[in-house]
Every structure is written in structure tokens, then in C-alpha cells.
Amino acid sequence: MSRTVFCQRLQKEADGLDFQLYPGDLGKRIFDNISKEAWAEWQAKQTMLINEKKLNMMNPEHRQLLEEEMVNFLFEGKDVVIDGYTPPSE
């Protein structure tokens, strides 16, 4: 049976994550307040950020930048902005 959470990103009840995917207190906050759907949206944005900004996950500064973007996206409702990127038109 799946668990539901009130997703802070989507502002609705939705299926919660199956287990904590991120370490520490932030990981607990994500597990308790973010849905699978919102996490999947973040993963797509994260991949785009890593590729477009050529982030190296071995670099602590790059990991910190990614974590800040994650918090902004998941909890503060801010979208990921990449200079020069234009989303495809629908």
C-alpha cells in the first residue's frame, strides 16, 4: 500500500516516496513532504542542470549549488533557470 503526503511542490495530496532518497535532515524533509511526481520533476531538472552547467558531482561547490536549486525547486516553488535555455514549445 502506498503512502500519501501533502506535497509542498504540487500543493496537493499525492503518492509519497517509497523510501528516503536523500541523506540527513533535508532527506527526511523531502521524504515527509514531497511526492513521487514532484521528485520525478526534480530529477529531470537536476539532469538538465548537471548537463547544461557541466557540474562535477565530485566538486563540493557544485553539489552545494545543486542542493540549493533542489530546495528552491521543491519547497519554494521556484523553477530551475538555465541561461540560454528555451523550453520546447508545445
N, C-alpha and C. Protein backbone atom coordinates (compact mmCIF):
# COMPACT_ATOMS: atom_id res chain seq x y z
N MET A 1 0.85 -1.18 0.00
CA MET A 1 0.00 0.00 0.00
C MET A 1 0.88 1.24 0.00
N SER A 2 0.63 2.14 -0.91
CA SER A 2 1.46 3.33 -0.99
C SER A 2 1.02 4.37 0.04
N ARG A 3 1.97 5.14 0.46
CA ARG A 3 1.67 6.19 1.42
C ARG A 3 1.42 7.49 0.67
N THR A 4 0.62 8.36 1.25
CA THR A 4 0.36 9.65 0.62
C THR A 4 0.91 10.75 1.52
N VAL A 5 1.29 11.84 0.87
CA VAL A 5 1.78 13.02 1.57
C VAL A 5 1.09 14.24 0.96
N PHE A 6 1.06 15.33 1.72
CA PHE A 6 0.65 16.59 1.12
C PHE A 6 1.91 17.17 0.52
N CYS A 7 2.00 17.16 -0.80
CA CYS A 7 3.21 17.58 -1.50
C CYS A 7 3.33 19.10 -1.48
N GLN A 8 4.44 19.58 -0.93
CA GLN A 8 4.65 21.04 -0.87
C GLN A 8 4.89 21.62 -2.25
N ARG A 9 5.46 20.86 -3.15
CA ARG A 9 5.71 21.36 -4.51
C ARG A 9 4.40 21.48 -5.30
N LEU A 10 3.59 20.42 -5.26
CA LEU A 10 2.36 20.38 -6.07
C LEU A 10 1.14 20.95 -5.35
N GLN A 11 1.27 21.14 -4.04
CA GLN A 11 0.17 21.65 -3.21
C GLN A 11 -1.08 20.78 -3.31
N LYS A 12 -0.85 19.45 -3.21
CA LYS A 12 -1.98 18.51 -3.21
C LYS A 12 -1.53 17.19 -2.59
N GLU A 13 -2.51 16.38 -2.21
CA GLU A 13 -2.22 15.03 -1.73
C GLU A 13 -1.76 14.18 -2.91
N ALA A 14 -0.70 13.43 -2.71
CA ALA A 14 -0.17 12.59 -3.79
C ALA A 14 0.63 11.44 -3.18
N ASP A 15 0.96 10.45 -4.00
CA ASP A 15 1.75 9.32 -3.54
C ASP A 15 3.11 9.80 -3.06
N GLY A 16 3.47 9.36 -1.86
CA GLY A 16 4.77 9.72 -1.29
C GLY A 16 5.87 8.81 -1.80
N LEU A 17 7.09 9.19 -1.54
CA LEU A 17 8.24 8.39 -1.92
C LEU A 17 8.24 7.09 -1.11
N ASP A 18 8.81 6.03 -1.68
CA ASP A 18 8.83 4.73 -1.01
C ASP A 18 9.86 4.68 0.12
N PHE A 19 10.93 5.45 -0.04
CA PHE A 19 11.96 5.50 1.00
C PHE A 19 12.73 6.80 0.86
N GLN A 20 13.52 7.13 1.87
CA GLN A 20 14.27 8.38 1.88
C GLN A 20 15.40 8.30 0.85
N LEU A 21 15.36 9.20 -0.13
CA LEU A 21 16.31 9.16 -1.24
C LEU A 21 17.50 10.09 -1.07
N TYR A 22 17.45 10.96 -0.08
CA TYR A 22 18.50 11.94 0.14
C TYR A 22 18.90 11.87 1.61
N PRO A 23 20.17 12.01 1.92
CA PRO A 23 20.60 11.84 3.31
C PRO A 23 20.25 13.02 4.23
N GLY A 24 20.29 12.76 5.51
CA GLY A 24 20.20 13.82 6.52
C GLY A 24 18.81 14.39 6.73
N ASP A 25 18.80 15.55 7.41
CA ASP A 25 17.54 16.22 7.73
C ASP A 25 16.79 16.65 6.48
N LEU A 26 17.52 17.11 5.47
CA LEU A 26 16.87 17.51 4.21
C LEU A 26 16.20 16.29 3.57
N GLY A 27 16.85 15.15 3.62
CA GLY A 27 16.27 13.92 3.08
C GLY A 27 14.99 13.54 3.79
N LYS A 28 14.96 13.71 5.11
CA LYS A 28 13.76 13.43 5.90
C LYS A 28 12.65 14.39 5.52
N ARG A 29 13.00 15.67 5.34
CA ARG A 29 12.02 16.68 4.94
C ARG A 29 11.42 16.35 3.56
N ILE A 30 12.28 15.92 2.65
CA ILE A 30 11.81 15.53 1.31
C ILE A 30 10.89 14.32 1.41
N PHE A 31 11.31 13.32 2.16
CA PHE A 31 10.51 12.09 2.32
C PHE A 31 9.12 12.40 2.89
N ASP A 32 9.07 13.32 3.85
CA ASP A 32 7.81 13.64 4.53
C ASP A 32 6.90 14.58 3.74
N ASN A 33 7.46 15.38 2.82
CA ASN A 33 6.70 16.47 2.21
C ASN A 33 6.69 16.53 0.69
N ILE A 34 7.34 15.59 0.01
CA ILE A 34 7.45 15.66 -1.45
C ILE A 34 6.92 14.35 -2.06
N SER A 35 6.13 14.47 -3.11
CA SER A 35 5.54 13.31 -3.77
C SER A 35 6.48 12.70 -4.81
N LYS A 36 6.13 11.50 -5.23
CA LYS A 36 6.89 10.84 -6.30
C LYS A 36 6.88 11.69 -7.57
N GLU A 37 5.73 12.27 -7.88
CA GLU A 37 5.59 13.08 -9.09
C GLU A 37 6.53 14.29 -9.05
N ALA A 38 6.55 15.00 -7.91
CA ALA A 38 7.41 16.17 -7.78
C ALA A 38 8.88 15.77 -7.80
N TRP A 39 9.21 14.62 -7.19
CA TRP A 39 10.59 14.16 -7.20
C TRP A 39 11.03 13.82 -8.63
N ALA A 40 10.16 13.22 -9.41
CA ALA A 40 10.48 12.90 -10.80
C ALA A 40 10.71 14.19 -11.60
N GLU A 41 9.90 15.22 -11.34
CA GLU A 41 10.11 16.52 -11.99
C GLU A 41 11.49 17.06 -11.62
N TRP A 42 11.85 16.96 -10.33
CA TRP A 42 13.15 17.45 -9.89
C TRP A 42 14.27 16.67 -10.58
N GLN A 43 14.15 15.36 -10.69
CA GLN A 43 15.21 14.57 -11.31
C GLN A 43 15.47 15.00 -12.75
N ALA A 44 14.43 15.33 -13.48
CA ALA A 44 14.59 15.81 -14.85
C ALA A 44 15.32 17.15 -14.85
N LYS A 45 14.92 18.05 -13.93
CA LYS A 45 15.58 19.37 -13.84
C LYS A 45 17.03 19.21 -13.40
N GLN A 46 17.27 18.29 -12.46
CA GLN A 46 18.62 18.05 -11.97
C GLN A 46 19.54 17.59 -13.09
N THR A 47 19.05 16.67 -13.90
CA THR A 47 19.84 16.16 -15.03
C THR A 47 20.18 17.30 -15.99
N MET A 48 19.18 18.13 -16.26
CA MET A 48 19.39 19.27 -17.16
C MET A 48 20.44 20.22 -16.57
N LEU A 49 20.34 20.50 -15.28
CA LEU A 49 21.30 21.39 -14.62
C LEU A 49 22.72 20.84 -14.70
N ILE A 50 22.87 19.57 -14.37
CA ILE A 50 24.20 18.95 -14.38
C ILE A 50 24.79 19.01 -15.78
N ASN A 51 23.98 18.70 -16.79
CA ASN A 51 24.48 18.69 -18.16
C ASN A 51 24.77 20.09 -18.69
N GLU A 52 23.83 21.00 -18.53
CA GLU A 52 23.99 22.34 -19.11
C GLU A 52 25.06 23.17 -18.42
N LYS A 53 25.19 23.00 -17.11
CA LYS A 53 26.19 23.78 -16.37
C LYS A 53 27.49 23.00 -16.19
N LYS A 54 27.53 21.78 -16.74
CA LYS A 54 28.71 20.93 -16.68
C LYS A 54 29.20 20.76 -15.24
N LEU A 55 28.25 20.40 -14.37
CA LEU A 55 28.58 20.23 -12.96
C LEU A 55 29.32 18.92 -12.73
N ASN A 56 30.27 18.95 -11.83
CA ASN A 56 31.03 17.77 -11.43
C ASN A 56 30.60 17.41 -10.02
N MET A 57 29.98 16.25 -9.85
CA MET A 57 29.45 15.87 -8.54
C MET A 57 30.54 15.51 -7.53
N MET A 58 31.79 15.49 -7.97
CA MET A 58 32.91 15.30 -7.04
C MET A 58 33.31 16.64 -6.41
N ASN A 59 32.85 17.74 -6.99
CA ASN A 59 33.18 19.08 -6.51
C ASN A 59 32.14 19.50 -5.45
N PRO A 60 32.59 19.76 -4.21
CA PRO A 60 31.64 20.14 -3.15
C PRO A 60 30.84 21.40 -3.47
N GLU A 61 31.44 22.37 -4.17
CA GLU A 61 30.72 23.59 -4.54
C GLU A 61 29.59 23.29 -5.52
N HIS A 62 29.83 22.38 -6.44
CA HIS A 62 28.79 22.01 -7.41
C HIS A 62 27.66 21.26 -6.73
N ARG A 63 28.01 20.38 -5.78
CA ARG A 63 26.97 19.66 -5.03
C ARG A 63 26.13 20.63 -4.21
N GLN A 64 26.78 21.64 -3.62
CA GLN A 64 26.06 22.64 -2.84
C GLN A 64 25.10 23.44 -3.72
N LEU A 65 25.55 23.84 -4.90
CA LEU A 65 24.70 24.55 -5.86
C LEU A 65 23.48 23.70 -6.21
N LEU A 66 23.70 22.43 -6.48
CA LEU A 66 22.60 21.53 -6.85
C LEU A 66 21.61 21.38 -5.69
N GLU A 67 22.13 21.29 -4.47
CA GLU A 67 21.25 21.17 -3.31
C GLU A 67 20.42 22.44 -3.12
N GLU A 68 21.03 23.60 -3.32
CA GLU A 68 20.29 24.86 -3.21
C GLU A 68 19.18 24.93 -4.26
N GLU A 69 19.49 24.54 -5.47
CA GLU A 69 18.49 24.52 -6.54
C GLU A 69 17.37 23.55 -6.21
N MET A 70 17.72 22.40 -5.61
CA MET A 70 16.71 21.41 -5.24
C MET A 70 15.75 21.97 -4.19
N VAL A 71 16.28 22.61 -3.17
CA VAL A 71 15.43 23.19 -2.12
C VAL A 71 14.53 24.27 -2.73
N ASN A 72 15.11 25.14 -3.57
CA ASN A 72 14.31 26.19 -4.22
C ASN A 72 13.19 25.59 -5.05
N PHE A 73 13.49 24.54 -5.79
CA PHE A 73 12.50 23.91 -6.67
C PHE A 73 11.42 23.18 -5.87
N LEU A 74 11.82 22.36 -4.92
CA LEU A 74 10.86 21.51 -4.22
C LEU A 74 10.05 22.25 -3.16
N PHE A 75 10.67 23.19 -2.45
CA PHE A 75 10.00 23.79 -1.30
C PHE A 75 9.60 25.25 -1.48
N GLU A 76 10.26 25.96 -2.37
CA GLU A 76 9.97 27.39 -2.52
C GLU A 76 9.24 27.70 -3.82
N GLY A 77 8.95 26.67 -4.62
CA GLY A 77 8.17 26.85 -5.84
C GLY A 77 8.90 27.56 -6.97
N LYS A 78 10.22 27.68 -6.85
CA LYS A 78 10.99 28.35 -7.91
C LYS A 78 11.37 27.33 -8.96
N ASP A 79 11.33 27.77 -10.22
CA ASP A 79 11.73 26.87 -11.30
C ASP A 79 13.23 27.00 -11.52
N VAL A 80 13.80 25.97 -12.12
CA VAL A 80 15.22 25.97 -12.45
C VAL A 80 15.43 26.85 -13.67
N VAL A 81 16.36 27.79 -13.58
CA VAL A 81 16.65 28.69 -14.68
C VAL A 81 18.05 28.41 -15.20
N ILE A 82 18.15 28.14 -16.49
CA ILE A 82 19.44 27.92 -17.12
C ILE A 82 19.60 28.96 -18.22
N ASP A 83 20.65 29.76 -18.11
CA ASP A 83 20.90 30.81 -19.10
C ASP A 83 20.97 30.22 -20.51
N GLY A 84 20.21 30.81 -21.42
CA GLY A 84 20.24 30.42 -22.81
C GLY A 84 19.34 29.24 -23.16
N TYR A 85 18.69 28.64 -22.16
CA TYR A 85 17.81 27.52 -22.43
C TYR A 85 16.39 28.00 -22.72
N THR A 86 15.83 27.54 -23.82
CA THR A 86 14.45 27.84 -24.16
C THR A 86 13.68 26.54 -24.20
N PRO A 87 12.66 26.38 -23.35
CA PRO A 87 11.92 25.13 -23.37
C PRO A 87 11.21 24.93 -24.71
N PRO A 88 11.03 23.67 -25.12
CA PRO A 88 10.35 23.42 -26.39
C PRO A 88 8.90 23.91 -26.32
N SER A 89 8.43 24.47 -27.42
CA SER A 89 7.04 24.93 -27.45
C SER A 89 6.12 23.75 -27.66
N GLU A 90 4.95 23.83 -27.06
CA GLU A 90 4.02 22.68 -27.13
C GLU A 90 3.07 22.82 -28.29
